[in-house]
Amino acid sequence: MIFPADAVNAGAFGRSLADVLLGADIVDVAGETAAVDAGYFAFSYRSSRFKFGSETLLALRLKCSPDDEAAIAKKTRENLDYRRERHPSYRQASAGCFFKNPLLGGVKAS
């Protein structure tokens, strides 16, 4: 199964899946498995080759940036606070964000 985040190159806070993906293991409709690198995804803004494809992701290999526990906790708090202040509660029904931000003068706009 391809998860929406994988198929559409989901992103937040200035980064997307394409920024941290090293590679993946996939299976095609014939049952053939393969290990592919990040370039295989052909990522673009909110898209990848998996968006309308027939392959299934089995595993992802992601880059991680080590940091100390306090710095990670601080960044996590900042991101959660930002979302709490600007987005509806997760307790409310929502379709989420499914629009692409248009480019205006070469800059993405909400």
C-alpha atoms as a PDB file:
ATOM      1  CA  MET A   1       0.000   0.000   0.000  1.00  0.00           C
ATOM      2  CA  ILE A   2       1.264   3.459  -0.849  1.00  0.00           C
ATOM      3  CA  PHE A   3       0.602   5.955   1.882  1.00  0.00           C
ATOM      4  CA  PRO A   4      -0.582   9.420   0.803  1.00  0.00           C
ATOM      5  CA  ALA A   5       2.522  11.053   2.289  1.00  0.00           C
ATOM      6  CA  ASP A   6       4.749   8.897   0.082  1.00  0.00           C
ATOM      7  CA  ALA A   7       2.723   9.313  -3.080  1.00  0.00           C
ATOM      8  CA  VAL A   8       2.404  13.080  -2.918  1.00  0.00           C
ATOM      9  CA  ASN A   9       5.745  14.060  -1.374  1.00  0.00           C
ATOM     10  CA  ALA A  10       4.085  15.458   1.747  1.00  0.00           C
ATOM     11  CA  GLY A  11       5.826  18.300   3.483  1.00  0.00           C
ATOM     12  CA  ALA A  12       5.683  20.719   6.367  1.00  0.00           C
ATOM     13  CA  PHE A  13       7.883  23.386   7.909  1.00  0.00           C
ATOM     14  CA  GLY A  14       9.969  23.817   4.769  1.00  0.00           C
ATOM     15  CA  ARG A  15      10.838  20.144   4.251  1.00  0.00           C
ATOM     16  CA  SER A  16       9.259  17.266   2.387  1.00  0.00           C
ATOM     17  CA  LEU A  17       9.619  13.515   2.171  1.00  0.00           C
ATOM     18  CA  ALA A  18      11.992  13.950  -0.785  1.00  0.00           C
ATOM     19  CA  ASP A  19      14.442  15.748   1.532  1.00  0.00           C
ATOM     20  CA  VAL A  20      14.898  12.748   3.827  1.00  0.00           C
ATOM     21  CA  LEU A  21      14.287   9.703   1.635  1.00  0.00           C
ATOM     22  CA  LEU A  22      17.307   7.528   0.833  1.00  0.00           C
ATOM     23  CA  GLY A  23      15.445   4.670  -0.850  1.00  0.00           C
ATOM     24  CA  ALA A  24      12.720   2.069  -0.578  1.00  0.00           C
ATOM     25  CA  ASP A  25      11.809  -1.544  -1.130  1.00  0.00           C
ATOM     26  CA  ILE A  26       8.878  -1.981  -3.517  1.00  0.00           C
ATOM     27  CA  VAL A  27       6.794  -4.744  -5.071  1.00  0.00           C
ATOM     28  CA  ASP A  28       5.112  -4.529  -8.475  1.00  0.00           C
ATOM     29  CA  VAL A  29       1.850  -6.096  -9.683  1.00  0.00           C
ATOM     30  CA  ALA A  30       3.728  -9.215 -10.845  1.00  0.00           C
ATOM     31  CA  GLY A  31       5.031  -9.735  -7.301  1.00  0.00           C
ATOM     32  CA  GLU A  32       8.607  -8.762  -8.185  1.00  0.00           C
ATOM     33  CA  THR A  33      10.420  -6.904  -5.421  1.00  0.00           C
ATOM     34  CA  ALA A  34      13.168  -4.329  -5.873  1.00  0.00           C
ATOM     35  CA  ALA A  35      15.268  -1.952  -3.835  1.00  0.00           C
ATOM     36  CA  VAL A  36      15.131   1.526  -5.363  1.00  0.00           C
ATOM     37  CA  ASP A  37      16.901   4.781  -4.572  1.00  0.00           C
ATOM     38  CA  ALA A  38      15.195   8.101  -3.887  1.00  0.00           C
ATOM     39  CA  GLY A  39      15.547   9.182  -7.528  1.00  0.00           C
ATOM     40  CA  TYR A  40      13.167   6.396  -8.548  1.00  0.00           C
ATOM     41  CA  PHE A  41      10.305   8.281  -6.882  1.00  0.00           C
ATOM     42  CA  ALA A  42      10.647  11.183  -9.382  1.00  0.00           C
ATOM     43  CA  PHE A  43       9.430  13.588  -6.696  1.00  0.00           C
ATOM     44  CA  SER A  44       7.987  16.955  -7.615  1.00  0.00           C
ATOM     45  CA  TYR A  45       5.755  19.347  -5.714  1.00  0.00           C
ATOM     46  CA  ARG A  46       3.047  17.181  -4.096  1.00  0.00           C
ATOM     47  CA  SER A  47       3.672  14.330  -6.488  1.00  0.00           C
ATOM     48  CA  SER A  48       5.757  11.227  -7.205  1.00  0.00           C
ATOM     49  CA  ARG A  49       5.688   8.269  -9.608  1.00  0.00           C
ATOM     50  CA  PHE A  50       3.661   6.408  -6.956  1.00  0.00           C
ATOM     51  CA  LYS A  51       0.746   8.844  -7.044  1.00  0.00           C
ATOM     52  CA  PHE A  52      -1.009   6.957  -9.834  1.00  0.00           C
ATOM     53  CA  GLY A  53       1.244   3.917 -10.086  1.00  0.00           C
ATOM     54  CA  SER A  54       0.635   0.266  -9.364  1.00  0.00           C
ATOM     55  CA  GLU A  55       3.682  -0.482  -7.209  1.00  0.00           C
ATOM     56  CA  THR A  56       3.493  -0.919  -3.451  1.00  0.00           C
ATOM     57  CA  LEU A  57       5.979   0.342  -0.907  1.00  0.00           C
ATOM     58  CA  LEU A  58       7.252  -2.291   1.485  1.00  0.00           C
ATOM     59  CA  ALA A  59       9.793  -0.216   3.416  1.00  0.00           C
ATOM     60  CA  LEU A  60      11.374   3.242   3.364  1.00  0.00           C
ATOM     61  CA  ARG A  61      14.953   4.180   4.235  1.00  0.00           C
ATOM     62  CA  LEU A  62      15.138   7.690   5.671  1.00  0.00           C
ATOM     63  CA  LYS A  63      17.986  10.064   6.592  1.00  0.00           C
ATOM     64  CA  CYS A  64      18.023  11.141  10.205  1.00  0.00           C
ATOM     65  CA  SER A  65      19.896  14.069  11.661  1.00  0.00           C
ATOM     66  CA  PRO A  66      21.207  13.343  15.136  1.00  0.00           C
ATOM     67  CA  ASP A  67      20.689  16.002  17.770  1.00  0.00           C
ATOM     68  CA  ASP A  68      20.501  16.112  21.523  1.00  0.00           C
ATOM     69  CA  GLU A  69      17.255  15.189  23.258  1.00  0.00           C
ATOM     70  CA  ALA A  70      16.585  18.724  24.536  1.00  0.00           C
ATOM     71  CA  ALA A  71      16.922  20.277  21.072  1.00  0.00           C
ATOM     72  CA  ILE A  72      14.587  17.687  19.537  1.00  0.00           C
ATOM     73  CA  ALA A  73      12.019  18.198  22.319  1.00  0.00           C
ATOM     74  CA  LYS A  74      12.194  21.990  21.885  1.00  0.00           C
ATOM     75  CA  LYS A  75      11.656  21.794  18.109  1.00  0.00           C
ATOM     76  CA  THR A  76       8.790  19.332  18.585  1.00  0.00           C
ATOM     77  CA  ARG A  77       7.096  21.708  21.067  1.00  0.00           C
ATOM     78  CA  GLU A  78       7.556  24.670  18.699  1.00  0.00           C
ATOM     79  CA  ASN A  79       6.013  22.766  15.781  1.00  0.00           C
ATOM     80  CA  LEU A  80       3.079  21.523  17.857  1.00  0.00           C
ATOM     81  CA  ASP A  81       2.444  25.025  19.249  1.00  0.00           C
ATOM     82  CA  TYR A  82       2.543  26.472  15.727  1.00  0.00           C
ATOM     83  CA  ARG A  83      -0.020  23.946  14.520  1.00  0.00           C
ATOM     84  CA  ARG A  84      -2.260  24.365  17.583  1.00  0.00           C
ATOM     85  CA  GLU A  85      -2.379  28.143  17.008  1.00  0.00           C
ATOM     86  CA  ARG A  86      -3.091  27.952  13.274  1.00  0.00           C
ATOM     87  CA  HIS A  87      -5.023  24.735  12.589  1.00  0.00           C
ATOM     88  CA  PRO A  88      -8.349  23.310  13.758  1.00  0.00           C
ATOM     89  CA  SER A  89      -8.292  20.815  16.601  1.00  0.00           C
ATOM     90  CA  TYR A  90      -7.647  17.214  15.634  1.00  0.00           C
ATOM     91  CA  ARG A  91     -10.897  16.493  17.463  1.00  0.00           C
ATOM     92  CA  GLN A  92     -12.875  18.335  14.773  1.00  0.00           C
ATOM     93  CA  ALA A  93     -13.790  16.672  11.494  1.00  0.00           C
ATOM     94  CA  SER A  94     -11.546  17.912   8.715  1.00  0.00           C
ATOM     95  CA  ALA A  95     -10.553  16.828   5.218  1.00  0.00           C
ATOM     96  CA  GLY A  96      -7.120  18.253   5.912  1.00  0.00           C
ATOM     97  CA  CYS A  97      -5.180  20.174   3.331  1.00  0.00           C
ATOM     98  CA  PHE A  98      -5.419  18.748  -0.158  1.00  0.00           C
ATOM     99  CA  PHE A  99      -4.746  21.858  -2.236  1.00  0.00           C
ATOM    100  CA  LYS A 100      -1.497  22.724  -3.934  1.00  0.00           C
ATOM    101  CA  ASN A 101      -0.118  26.157  -3.131  1.00  0.00           C
ATOM    102  CA  PRO A 102      -0.019  28.234  -6.329  1.00  0.00           C
ATOM    103  CA  LEU A 103       3.169  29.866  -7.506  1.00  0.00           C
ATOM    104  CA  LEU A 104       2.863  33.637  -7.593  1.00  0.00           C
ATOM    105  CA  GLY A 105       5.898  35.348  -9.009  1.00  0.00           C
ATOM    106  CA  GLY A 106       7.924  32.180  -8.494  1.00  0.00           C
ATOM    107  CA  VAL A 107       6.997  31.955  -4.791  1.00  0.00           C
ATOM    108  CA  LYS A 108       4.521  29.471  -3.270  1.00  0.00           C
ATOM    109  CA  ALA A 109       1.517  31.223  -1.777  1.00  0.00           C
ATOM    110  CA  SER A 110      -1.157  29.774   0.505  1.00  0.00           C
END
